[in-house]
């Protein structure tokens, strides 16, 4: 009865029907749901090297066959999914994770979908599986720091549709705009509902700054932000969210892009990742006096140290570096600060006043909710060209590095890289000149990763073959000075944007 009560507000139909949280699903639960709901098909989904979900469909033709696929998974061609796997040794297994089960919101036939993990020929988890890499990164972080690594993502994307000519929005002033000036709020809220039905834990959604008209089309920027979760769950939710948004757009005759930059002079789309450090369900990011804790400062010191190579994971195609330019609320320098959108790592407003604001506007009520859990720190450089598992693993490795350093050294790095001003303002030119800069292209990011790769490989977190492949891909773009060239040539810029329009 208690489970039913707890699950009554879940948006995941499998949880509501079974009356238990997804983390407790068993094979028997999945079979019971399939039988009870008349499910006709089962889909396996799994992320490939391109960061997109792949799908394998099964028709349920007998109880025995259903039990077999749920127990033993199926074979797939690894060389078609990961370029660094040789064709001569390419067979992999995909094994479903019962906790990921959700009712497919788009399928015409009643369909249950499960996310899968990869295994090799010896029945061992695939060493270079991006999700496995994140799993190892989290395990090693906890072993070193004694803390749990949690994340939440901000998905920014443009929705593109026909211009009716009515109620035009103000160019580049779309932040939190309401209808009818915001044209695609209904699309975004429908996407949020569908994402929640797959298990995604959403915080909120809104229209973003970017909006413009081009060739009789409206380009409107939107954002969906998620709640903090253990990094593995957070990455799963974000991966599914991108799939849902694209699938919904295709069915509604709209276009969407997560591309980091569409055109010069208009807001680019980032993929900001918030992090928090947990211990025994308590947020250790904030100290008892409601200031940023030393634990958080040590993690930030690690992010400052590995920032140049983190771009290799978080900014994975040439258009990424059209966004990382000064004066665009996108970072270019390696620094951090409080509530400061010109920095690489931002510590957002965290309900640290200790005041009950609720009772001030609602005198008949009081707020009994503790706010310590809300504080995070946010990496602002990534965009959706990233493989979300690899990116979060890189951030986790960087945070761990801050705890592997001598505490005094880590806190000194945090102190030296802290800024409390807009670093791009003219009066702060001297401060700006003293800060290191991020790479300006894929080739430079690859070079930075080569210099720092031993840190990612330490404790066997990142597989060498995967790093070799990533470095090779980044260098193959051969994009040094590309940003300057395309910004001066609108035709070349459009060709570049078109090439990476559906990245990630």
Protein backbone atom coordinates (compact mmCIF):
# COMPACT_ATOMS: atom_id res chain seq x y z
CA UNK A 1 0.00 0.00 0.00
CA UNK A 2 2.84 2.41 0.89
CA UNK A 3 4.58 1.79 -2.46
CA UNK A 4 1.33 2.47 -4.30
CA UNK A 5 0.98 5.74 -2.41
CA UNK A 6 4.57 6.75 -3.15
CA UNK A 7 4.21 5.91 -6.84
CA UNK A 8 0.84 7.60 -7.36
CA UNK A 9 2.45 10.79 -8.66
CA UNK A 10 5.09 9.08 -10.80
CA UNK A 11 4.82 9.94 -14.48
CA UNK A 12 6.35 6.58 -15.43
CA UNK A 13 3.41 4.32 -16.25
CA UNK A 14 5.38 1.18 -15.34
CA UNK A 15 6.07 2.51 -11.84
CA UNK A 16 2.45 3.55 -11.31
CA UNK A 17 1.10 0.23 -12.55
CA UNK A 18 3.48 -1.94 -10.53
CA UNK A 19 3.33 0.32 -7.47
CA UNK A 20 7.07 0.25 -6.86
CA UNK A 21 10.06 2.43 -7.76
CA UNK A 22 11.97 1.61 -10.92
CA UNK A 23 15.12 0.85 -8.93
CA UNK A 24 13.32 -2.23 -7.52
CA UNK A 25 12.03 -3.66 -10.83
CA UNK A 26 12.74 -7.37 -11.38
CA UNK A 27 12.36 -9.53 -14.47
CA UNK A 28 9.13 -10.91 -12.99
CA UNK A 29 7.83 -7.32 -12.64
CA UNK A 30 8.59 -6.56 -16.28
CA UNK A 31 6.86 -9.74 -17.46
CA UNK A 32 3.84 -8.99 -15.25
CA UNK A 33 3.56 -5.49 -16.67
CA UNK A 34 3.80 -6.79 -20.24
CA UNK A 35 1.10 -9.39 -19.55
CA UNK A 36 -1.21 -7.00 -17.71
CA UNK A 37 -0.94 -4.17 -20.25
CA UNK A 38 -1.09 -6.26 -23.41
CA UNK A 39 2.37 -5.12 -24.55
CA UNK A 40 3.09 -6.45 -28.05
CA UNK A 41 6.68 -5.32 -28.57
CA UNK A 42 9.83 -4.80 -26.53
CA UNK A 43 12.51 -2.32 -27.62
CA UNK A 44 16.12 -2.31 -26.49
CA UNK A 45 17.86 1.08 -26.70
CA UNK A 46 21.57 1.81 -26.20
CA UNK A 47 23.90 4.73 -26.86
CA UNK A 48 26.55 4.48 -29.57
CA UNK A 49 29.73 6.48 -30.11
CA UNK A 50 27.81 9.24 -31.89
CA UNK A 51 25.91 9.94 -28.66
CA UNK A 52 22.53 8.93 -30.10
CA UNK A 53 20.28 6.10 -28.97
CA UNK A 54 20.02 3.03 -31.19
CA UNK A 55 16.99 0.70 -31.16
CA UNK A 56 16.43 -3.05 -31.50
CA UNK A 57 12.79 -4.24 -31.80
CA UNK A 58 11.39 -7.55 -30.55
CA UNK A 59 7.94 -8.98 -31.26
CA UNK A 60 6.70 -10.90 -28.22
CA UNK A 61 5.66 -14.29 -29.58
CA UNK A 62 5.86 -16.47 -26.47
CA UNK A 63 6.51 -16.33 -22.74
CA UNK A 64 9.67 -18.38 -23.26
CA UNK A 65 11.04 -15.95 -25.85
CA UNK A 66 10.23 -12.95 -23.65
CA UNK A 67 12.06 -14.49 -20.69
CA UNK A 68 15.01 -15.30 -22.96
CA UNK A 69 15.55 -11.77 -24.28
CA UNK A 70 15.05 -10.23 -20.84
CA UNK A 71 17.57 -12.67 -19.32
CA UNK A 72 20.25 -13.03 -21.99
CA UNK A 73 19.86 -9.92 -24.14
CA UNK A 74 20.94 -10.07 -27.76
CA UNK A 75 24.02 -9.81 -30.02
CA UNK A 76 24.87 -6.56 -31.85
CA UNK A 77 27.64 -5.47 -34.21
CA UNK A 78 30.00 -3.41 -32.07
CA UNK A 79 32.08 -2.17 -35.00
CA UNK A 80 29.00 -0.41 -36.41
CA UNK A 81 28.36 1.25 -33.05
CA UNK A 82 31.91 2.16 -32.01
CA UNK A 83 34.59 3.05 -34.59
CA UNK A 84 37.42 1.83 -32.35
CA UNK A 85 36.07 -1.76 -32.25
CA UNK A 86 37.58 -3.93 -34.98
CA UNK A 87 35.22 -5.67 -37.44
CA UNK A 88 37.02 -8.97 -36.85
CA UNK A 89 36.12 -8.92 -33.13
CA UNK A 90 32.98 -6.87 -33.22
CA UNK A 91 30.20 -8.95 -31.62
CA UNK A 92 28.85 -7.50 -28.38
CA UNK A 93 25.94 -8.35 -26.10
CA UNK A 94 23.31 -5.81 -25.04
CA UNK A 95 21.66 -6.67 -21.71
CA UNK A 96 18.54 -4.76 -20.58
CA UNK A 97 18.46 -2.81 -17.32
CA UNK A 98 15.05 -3.47 -15.78
CA UNK A 99 15.15 -0.20 -13.81
CA UNK A 100 15.08 1.77 -17.08
CA UNK A 101 11.75 0.35 -18.33
CA UNK A 102 9.17 2.76 -19.72
CA UNK A 103 6.16 2.67 -22.00
CA UNK A 104 7.14 4.03 -25.42
CA UNK A 105 5.08 7.24 -25.80
CA UNK A 106 5.41 7.28 -29.60
CA UNK A 107 4.84 3.67 -30.64
CA UNK A 108 1.54 2.81 -32.36
CA UNK A 109 1.70 -0.73 -30.99
CA UNK A 110 1.83 -1.14 -27.17
CA UNK A 111 5.60 -1.15 -26.62
CA UNK A 112 7.88 -1.39 -23.60
CA UNK A 113 11.40 0.03 -23.92
CA UNK A 114 14.47 -0.73 -21.82
CA UNK A 115 17.94 0.80 -21.92
CA UNK A 116 20.82 -1.67 -22.19
CA UNK A 117 24.42 -2.13 -21.10
CA UNK A 118 27.16 -3.59 -23.32
CA UNK A 119 29.09 -6.78 -22.55
CA UNK A 120 32.02 -8.39 -24.36
CA UNK A 121 32.53 -11.98 -25.57
CA UNK A 122 33.69 -13.06 -22.13
CA UNK A 123 30.52 -11.81 -20.46
CA UNK A 124 32.34 -8.84 -18.93
CA UNK A 125 31.07 -5.23 -19.06
CA UNK A 126 32.54 -3.56 -22.17
CA UNK A 127 35.57 -1.59 -21.03
CA UNK A 128 34.99 1.25 -23.51
CA UNK A 129 31.21 1.53 -23.08
CA UNK A 130 30.70 5.27 -22.33
CA UNK A 131 28.21 4.48 -19.58
CA UNK A 132 30.62 2.00 -18.03
CA UNK A 133 33.32 4.70 -18.08
CA UNK A 134 31.01 7.03 -16.14
CA UNK A 135 30.23 4.22 -13.70
CA UNK A 136 33.95 3.70 -13.04
CA UNK A 137 34.53 7.46 -12.72
CA UNK A 138 31.83 7.73 -10.04
CA UNK A 139 33.16 4.70 -8.15
CA UNK A 140 36.69 6.08 -8.08
CA UNK A 141 35.47 9.54 -7.06
CA UNK A 142 33.67 8.06 -4.07
CA UNK A 143 36.68 5.93 -3.13
CA UNK A 144 38.96 9.00 -3.08
CA UNK A 145 36.60 11.61 -1.61
CA UNK A 146 34.07 9.62 0.42
CA UNK A 147 31.33 11.53 -1.41
CA UNK A 148 28.76 10.78 -4.11
CA UNK A 149 28.87 12.67 -7.42
CA UNK A 150 25.52 13.98 -8.62
CA UNK A 151 24.65 15.96 -11.74
CA UNK A 152 21.82 17.82 -13.37
CA UNK A 153 21.77 19.04 -16.96
CA UNK A 154 20.33 22.03 -18.79
CA UNK A 155 19.24 21.15 -22.34
CA UNK A 156 19.11 24.20 -24.61
CA UNK A 157 17.73 23.80 -28.11
CA UNK A 158 16.05 25.73 -30.91
CA UNK A 159 12.57 24.86 -32.13
CA UNK A 160 12.00 25.92 -35.75
CA UNK A 161 8.63 26.45 -37.42
CA UNK A 162 6.63 28.63 -39.78
CA UNK A 163 6.29 32.35 -39.09
CA UNK A 164 2.62 33.40 -38.85
CA UNK A 165 3.55 37.06 -38.65
CA UNK A 166 1.53 37.54 -35.46
CA UNK A 167 2.85 38.67 -32.06
CA UNK A 168 6.52 38.80 -33.03
CA UNK A 169 8.95 38.23 -30.19
CA UNK A 170 11.72 40.74 -29.48
CA UNK A 171 14.95 39.62 -31.11
CA UNK A 172 17.33 38.01 -28.55
CA UNK A 173 14.94 38.88 -25.71
CA UNK A 174 13.04 35.61 -25.40
CA UNK A 175 14.07 34.71 -21.83
CA UNK A 176 11.04 33.23 -19.99
CA UNK A 177 8.71 34.74 -22.59
CA UNK A 178 5.03 33.77 -22.41
CA UNK A 179 2.65 33.08 -25.27
CA UNK A 180 1.62 34.38 -27.70
CA UNK A 181 5.03 36.03 -28.11
CA UNK A 182 6.69 32.66 -27.43
CA UNK A 183 5.41 30.35 -30.15
CA UNK A 184 6.55 26.91 -29.01
CA UNK A 185 5.71 26.78 -25.29
CA UNK A 186 3.12 24.07 -25.96
CA UNK A 187 5.70 21.96 -27.78
CA UNK A 188 8.14 22.30 -24.89
CA UNK A 189 5.59 21.41 -22.19
CA UNK A 190 4.42 18.40 -24.18
CA UNK A 191 8.05 17.28 -24.53
CA UNK A 192 8.54 17.71 -20.77
CA UNK A 193 5.53 15.52 -20.05
CA UNK A 194 6.79 12.79 -22.39
CA UNK A 195 10.30 12.96 -20.94
CA UNK A 196 8.83 12.51 -17.46
CA UNK A 197 6.94 9.45 -18.71
CA UNK A 198 10.29 7.84 -19.61
CA UNK A 199 11.57 8.40 -16.06
CA UNK A 200 13.25 11.78 -16.58
CA UNK A 201 13.35 13.94 -13.44
CA UNK A 202 12.58 17.45 -14.67
CA UNK A 203 13.03 20.62 -12.63
CA UNK A 204 11.44 23.11 -15.04
CA UNK A 205 11.31 24.40 -18.61
CA UNK A 206 11.16 27.84 -20.22
CA UNK A 207 11.86 29.81 -23.36
CA UNK A 208 15.42 31.11 -23.61
CA UNK A 209 17.09 34.30 -24.85
CA UNK A 210 17.58 33.28 -28.47
CA UNK A 211 14.93 33.95 -31.09
CA UNK A 212 15.15 35.19 -34.65
CA UNK A 213 13.55 34.93 -38.07
CA UNK A 214 15.22 33.50 -41.16
CA UNK A 215 13.72 32.51 -44.54
CA UNK A 216 10.12 32.75 -43.27
CA UNK A 217 10.92 30.54 -40.29
CA UNK A 218 10.95 31.32 -36.57
CA UNK A 219 13.93 30.03 -34.58
CA UNK A 220 12.99 29.98 -30.89
CA UNK A 221 15.36 28.82 -28.17
CA UNK A 222 14.05 26.71 -25.29
CA UNK A 223 15.52 25.09 -22.21
CA UNK A 224 14.60 22.09 -20.08
CA UNK A 225 16.46 21.72 -16.79
CA UNK A 226 16.62 18.53 -14.76
CA UNK A 227 16.76 17.73 -11.05
CA UNK A 228 20.00 16.49 -9.45
CA UNK A 229 20.47 12.73 -9.62
CA UNK A 230 23.35 10.27 -9.33
CA UNK A 231 25.44 10.89 -12.44
CA UNK A 232 24.49 7.62 -14.16
CA UNK A 233 20.75 8.30 -13.84
CA UNK A 234 21.23 11.94 -14.80
CA UNK A 235 23.01 10.93 -18.01
CA UNK A 236 20.31 8.38 -18.88
CA UNK A 237 17.58 11.01 -18.41
CA UNK A 238 19.35 13.52 -20.67
CA UNK A 239 19.98 10.98 -23.40
CA UNK A 240 16.32 9.98 -23.43
CA UNK A 241 15.23 13.61 -23.33
CA UNK A 242 17.06 14.43 -26.56
CA UNK A 243 15.44 11.42 -28.23
CA UNK A 244 11.97 12.49 -27.03
CA UNK A 245 12.40 16.10 -28.19
CA UNK A 246 13.52 15.06 -31.67
CA UNK A 247 10.84 12.38 -32.02
CA UNK A 248 8.09 14.77 -30.95
CA UNK A 249 9.32 17.49 -33.32
CA UNK A 250 9.35 15.07 -36.25
CA UNK A 251 5.78 13.96 -35.51
CA UNK A 252 4.56 17.57 -35.18
CA UNK A 253 6.19 18.81 -38.36
CA UNK A 254 8.71 21.00 -36.53
CA UNK A 255 12.48 21.01 -36.60
CA UNK A 256 14.79 21.12 -33.59
CA UNK A 257 18.52 21.49 -33.20
CA UNK A 258 20.85 21.15 -30.23
CA UNK A 259 23.68 22.65 -32.30
CA UNK A 260 25.94 24.97 -30.28
CA UNK A 261 25.72 27.77 -32.84
CA UNK A 262 23.36 28.49 -35.72
CA UNK A 263 24.40 31.95 -36.83
CA UNK A 264 26.65 34.82 -35.75
CA UNK A 265 25.11 37.39 -33.43
CA UNK A 266 22.41 35.08 -32.04
CA UNK A 267 22.51 33.10 -28.81
CA UNK A 268 24.14 29.70 -29.05
CA UNK A 269 22.87 26.63 -27.20
CA UNK A 270 24.86 25.26 -24.32
CA UNK A 271 24.62 22.08 -22.27
CA UNK A 272 25.44 23.32 -18.79
CA UNK A 273 26.09 20.60 -16.22
CA UNK A 274 25.43 21.32 -12.54
CA UNK A 275 27.19 19.19 -9.94
CA UNK A 276 26.76 18.62 -6.25
CA UNK A 277 28.59 16.48 -3.71
CA UNK A 278 26.51 14.23 -1.47
CA UNK A 279 27.15 12.21 1.67
CA UNK A 280 24.45 10.21 3.48
CA UNK A 281 21.77 12.10 1.51
CA UNK A 282 23.18 15.46 2.67
CA UNK A 283 24.49 18.04 0.22
CA UNK A 284 28.13 18.73 1.09
CA UNK A 285 28.43 21.55 -1.48
CA UNK A 286 27.32 24.07 1.11
CA UNK A 287 28.87 24.41 4.57
CA UNK A 288 27.03 24.85 7.85
CA UNK A 289 27.39 28.65 7.64
CA UNK A 290 25.71 28.58 4.19
CA UNK A 291 28.88 29.34 2.23
CA UNK A 292 30.52 27.19 -0.43
CA UNK A 293 32.24 24.28 1.31
CA UNK A 294 35.91 23.38 1.07
CA UNK A 295 34.83 20.09 -0.53
CA UNK A 296 33.18 22.03 -3.35
CA UNK A 297 36.21 24.31 -3.71
CA UNK A 298 38.49 21.29 -4.05
CA UNK A 299 36.26 19.85 -6.77
CA UNK A 300 36.28 23.22 -8.54
CA UNK A 301 40.09 23.28 -8.33
CA UNK A 302 40.10 20.00 -10.24
CA UNK A 303 37.76 21.46 -12.86
CA UNK A 304 40.04 24.48 -13.24
CA UNK A 305 43.05 22.18 -13.72
CA UNK A 306 41.46 19.92 -16.35
CA UNK A 307 39.33 22.60 -18.03
CA UNK A 308 41.46 22.69 -21.24
CA UNK A 309 40.99 18.97 -21.89
CA UNK A 310 37.35 18.82 -20.73
CA UNK A 311 36.52 20.70 -23.95
CA UNK A 312 37.57 17.55 -25.85
CA UNK A 313 34.56 15.80 -24.29
CA UNK A 314 32.15 18.72 -24.04
CA UNK A 315 32.79 20.62 -27.29
CA UNK A 316 33.18 17.96 -29.93
CA UNK A 317 32.71 19.63 -33.31
CA UNK A 318 33.92 22.84 -34.99
CA UNK A 319 30.69 24.80 -34.40
CA UNK A 320 31.27 24.40 -30.64
CA UNK A 321 33.97 27.03 -30.86
CA UNK A 322 31.72 29.53 -32.65
CA UNK A 323 29.81 29.66 -29.35
CA UNK A 324 32.80 29.93 -27.01
CA UNK A 325 33.54 33.59 -27.73
CA UNK A 326 33.62 36.65 -25.43
CA UNK A 327 30.51 38.69 -24.56
CA UNK A 328 28.05 35.87 -25.39
CA UNK A 329 27.43 34.45 -21.87
CA UNK A 330 29.65 31.56 -22.95
CA UNK A 331 33.01 31.08 -21.21
CA UNK A 332 36.40 31.63 -22.81
CA UNK A 333 38.63 31.87 -19.71
CA UNK A 334 39.42 29.39 -16.96
CA UNK A 335 37.92 30.88 -13.82
CA UNK A 336 34.94 30.55 -11.51
CA UNK A 337 32.70 32.77 -9.45
CA UNK A 338 29.41 33.27 -7.63
CA UNK A 339 26.30 34.08 -9.68
CA UNK A 340 28.63 35.17 -12.51
CA UNK A 341 27.68 34.22 -16.08
CA UNK A 342 31.01 35.31 -17.59
CA UNK A 343 32.95 32.52 -15.86
CA UNK A 344 33.61 28.88 -16.73
CA UNK A 345 32.27 27.46 -13.46
CA UNK A 346 29.41 29.37 -11.86
CA UNK A 347 28.09 28.93 -8.33
CA UNK A 348 24.43 29.88 -8.81
CA UNK A 349 22.18 31.52 -6.25
CA UNK A 350 21.65 28.90 -3.57
CA UNK A 351 19.02 30.04 -1.06
CA UNK A 352 21.77 30.96 1.40
CA UNK A 353 20.13 33.95 3.10
CA UNK A 354 18.56 31.84 5.85
CA UNK A 355 15.39 33.93 5.51
CA UNK A 356 11.89 32.51 5.03
CA UNK A 357 10.90 34.34 1.86
CA UNK A 358 7.72 32.29 1.54
CA UNK A 359 6.16 33.65 4.72
CA UNK A 360 6.89 37.20 3.60
CA UNK A 361 4.58 36.80 0.59
CA UNK A 362 2.26 34.27 2.25
CA UNK A 363 1.82 35.52 5.84
CA UNK A 364 -0.58 32.71 6.74
CA UNK A 365 2.01 30.03 5.96
CA UNK A 366 5.60 29.10 6.73
CA UNK A 367 8.27 27.27 4.75
CA UNK A 368 9.54 24.17 6.54
CA UNK A 369 11.78 23.00 3.69
CA UNK A 370 15.53 22.92 4.27
CA UNK A 371 17.39 24.57 1.38
CA UNK A 372 20.88 23.11 1.80
CA UNK A 373 20.20 20.56 -0.92
CA UNK A 374 19.72 23.18 -3.62
CA UNK A 375 23.32 24.43 -3.91
CA UNK A 376 25.26 23.31 -6.99
CA UNK A 377 28.22 24.43 -9.08
CA UNK A 378 27.83 24.62 -12.84
CA UNK A 379 30.19 23.89 -15.75
CA UNK A 380 29.17 26.29 -18.55
CA UNK A 381 31.44 25.34 -21.45
CA UNK A 382 29.84 22.09 -22.76
CA UNK A 383 27.29 21.85 -25.55
CA UNK A 384 25.18 19.04 -26.99
CA UNK A 385 27.89 17.85 -29.38
CA UNK A 386 29.08 15.98 -26.27
CA UNK A 387 28.56 12.32 -25.50
CA UNK A 388 26.82 12.87 -22.17
CA UNK A 389 28.36 9.82 -20.47
CA UNK A 390 31.90 10.74 -21.48
CA UNK A 391 31.36 14.37 -20.51
CA UNK A 392 30.05 13.58 -17.04
CA UNK A 393 32.86 11.06 -16.56
CA UNK A 394 35.41 13.75 -17.44
CA UNK A 395 33.82 16.17 -14.95
CA UNK A 396 33.85 13.44 -12.31
CA UNK A 397 37.54 12.71 -12.94
CA UNK A 398 38.30 16.44 -12.64
CA UNK A 399 36.39 16.70 -9.35
CA UNK A 400 38.28 13.65 -8.06
CA UNK A 401 41.59 15.30 -9.00
CA UNK A 402 40.76 18.13 -6.61
CA UNK A 403 40.61 15.59 -3.76
CA UNK A 404 43.78 13.82 -4.87
CA UNK A 405 45.73 17.08 -4.56
CA UNK A 406 47.01 18.31 -1.23
CA UNK A 407 44.06 20.21 0.27
CA UNK A 408 46.07 23.42 0.64
CA UNK A 409 47.17 23.29 -3.00
CA UNK A 410 43.61 22.68 -4.20
CA UNK A 411 42.21 25.55 -2.16
CA UNK A 412 45.00 27.78 -3.47
CA UNK A 413 44.03 26.97 -7.07
CA UNK A 414 40.41 27.75 -6.21
CA UNK A 415 41.45 31.07 -4.67
CA UNK A 416 43.65 32.10 -7.62
CA UNK A 417 41.00 31.34 -10.25
CA UNK A 418 38.08 33.00 -8.43
CA UNK A 419 36.64 36.19 -9.93
CA UNK A 420 33.83 38.41 -8.65
CA UNK A 421 33.54 40.74 -11.65
CA UNK A 422 32.45 40.60 -15.29
CA UNK A 423 35.79 39.64 -16.76
CA UNK A 424 34.83 40.99 -20.19
CA UNK A 425 34.18 44.54 -18.95
CA UNK A 426 36.84 47.05 -20.07
CA UNK A 427 37.77 48.01 -16.53
CA UNK A 428 38.67 44.37 -15.78
CA UNK A 429 41.09 43.91 -18.68
CA UNK A 430 44.03 43.32 -16.34
CA UNK A 431 42.18 40.54 -14.51
CA UNK A 432 41.21 38.96 -17.83
CA UNK A 433 44.80 39.02 -19.07
CA UNK A 434 45.92 36.97 -16.08
CA UNK A 435 43.53 34.09 -16.75
CA UNK A 436 44.25 31.04 -18.89
CA UNK A 437 41.99 30.53 -21.90
CA UNK A 438 40.05 27.56 -23.21
CA UNK A 439 41.01 25.92 -26.52
CA UNK A 440 39.66 27.70 -29.58
CA UNK A 441 39.09 24.68 -31.84
CA UNK A 442 38.83 20.88 -31.89
CA UNK A 443 42.51 20.45 -32.76
CA UNK A 444 43.60 22.46 -29.72
CA UNK A 445 41.21 20.48 -27.51
CA UNK A 446 42.75 17.25 -28.78
CA UNK A 447 46.23 18.57 -28.01
CA UNK A 448 45.14 19.47 -24.47
CA UNK A 449 43.66 16.00 -23.98
CA UNK A 450 46.91 14.42 -25.16
CA UNK A 451 48.80 16.40 -22.50
CA UNK A 452 46.41 15.49 -19.69
CA UNK A 453 45.20 12.05 -20.77
CA UNK A 454 47.13 10.19 -18.06
CA UNK A 455 44.80 11.73 -15.45
CA UNK A 456 41.73 10.38 -17.27
CA UNK A 457 43.33 6.96 -17.66
CA UNK A 458 44.38 6.81 -14.01
CA UNK A 459 42.50 4.28 -11.90
CA UNK A 460 41.48 2.67 -15.24
CA UNK A 461 38.54 5.06 -15.73
CA UNK A 462 38.86 5.97 -19.42
CA UNK A 463 39.75 3.19 -21.85
CA UNK A 464 42.87 4.10 -23.88
CA UNK A 465 41.21 2.99 -27.15
CA UNK A 466 38.33 5.39 -26.56
CA UNK A 467 40.69 8.31 -25.88
CA UNK A 468 42.75 7.45 -28.96
CA UNK A 469 39.60 7.52 -31.07
CA UNK A 470 38.38 10.81 -29.60
CA UNK A 471 41.73 12.51 -30.16
CA UNK A 472 41.86 11.22 -33.72
CA UNK A 473 38.34 12.47 -34.48
CA UNK A 474 39.03 15.92 -33.07
CA UNK A 475 42.27 16.31 -35.02
CA UNK A 476 40.56 15.18 -38.22
CA UNK A 477 38.41 18.34 -38.17
CA UNK A 478 41.58 20.31 -38.94
CA UNK A 479 39.79 23.44 -37.75
CA UNK A 480 42.54 25.76 -36.54
CA UNK A 481 41.52 29.35 -37.39
CA UNK A 482 38.26 27.99 -38.86
CA UNK A 483 36.07 30.25 -36.71
CA UNK A 484 37.73 33.39 -38.05
CA UNK A 485 37.36 32.18 -41.64
CA UNK A 486 33.68 31.23 -41.50
CA UNK A 487 32.63 34.28 -39.51
CA UNK A 488 33.93 36.36 -42.41
CA UNK A 489 32.10 34.25 -45.01
CA UNK A 490 28.32 33.75 -44.41
CA UNK A 491 28.09 31.03 -47.08
CA UNK A 492 30.86 28.94 -45.52
CA UNK A 493 29.33 29.50 -42.08
CA UNK A 494 25.98 28.17 -43.26
CA UNK A 495 27.63 25.11 -44.80
CA UNK A 496 29.39 24.41 -41.50
CA UNK A 497 26.21 24.86 -39.45
CA UNK A 498 24.24 22.61 -41.80
CA UNK A 499 26.88 19.89 -41.50
CA UNK A 500 26.55 19.73 -37.70
CA UNK A 501 22.93 20.82 -37.36
CA UNK A 502 21.84 17.51 -35.81
CA UNK A 503 24.93 16.93 -33.66
CA UNK A 504 24.77 14.76 -30.59
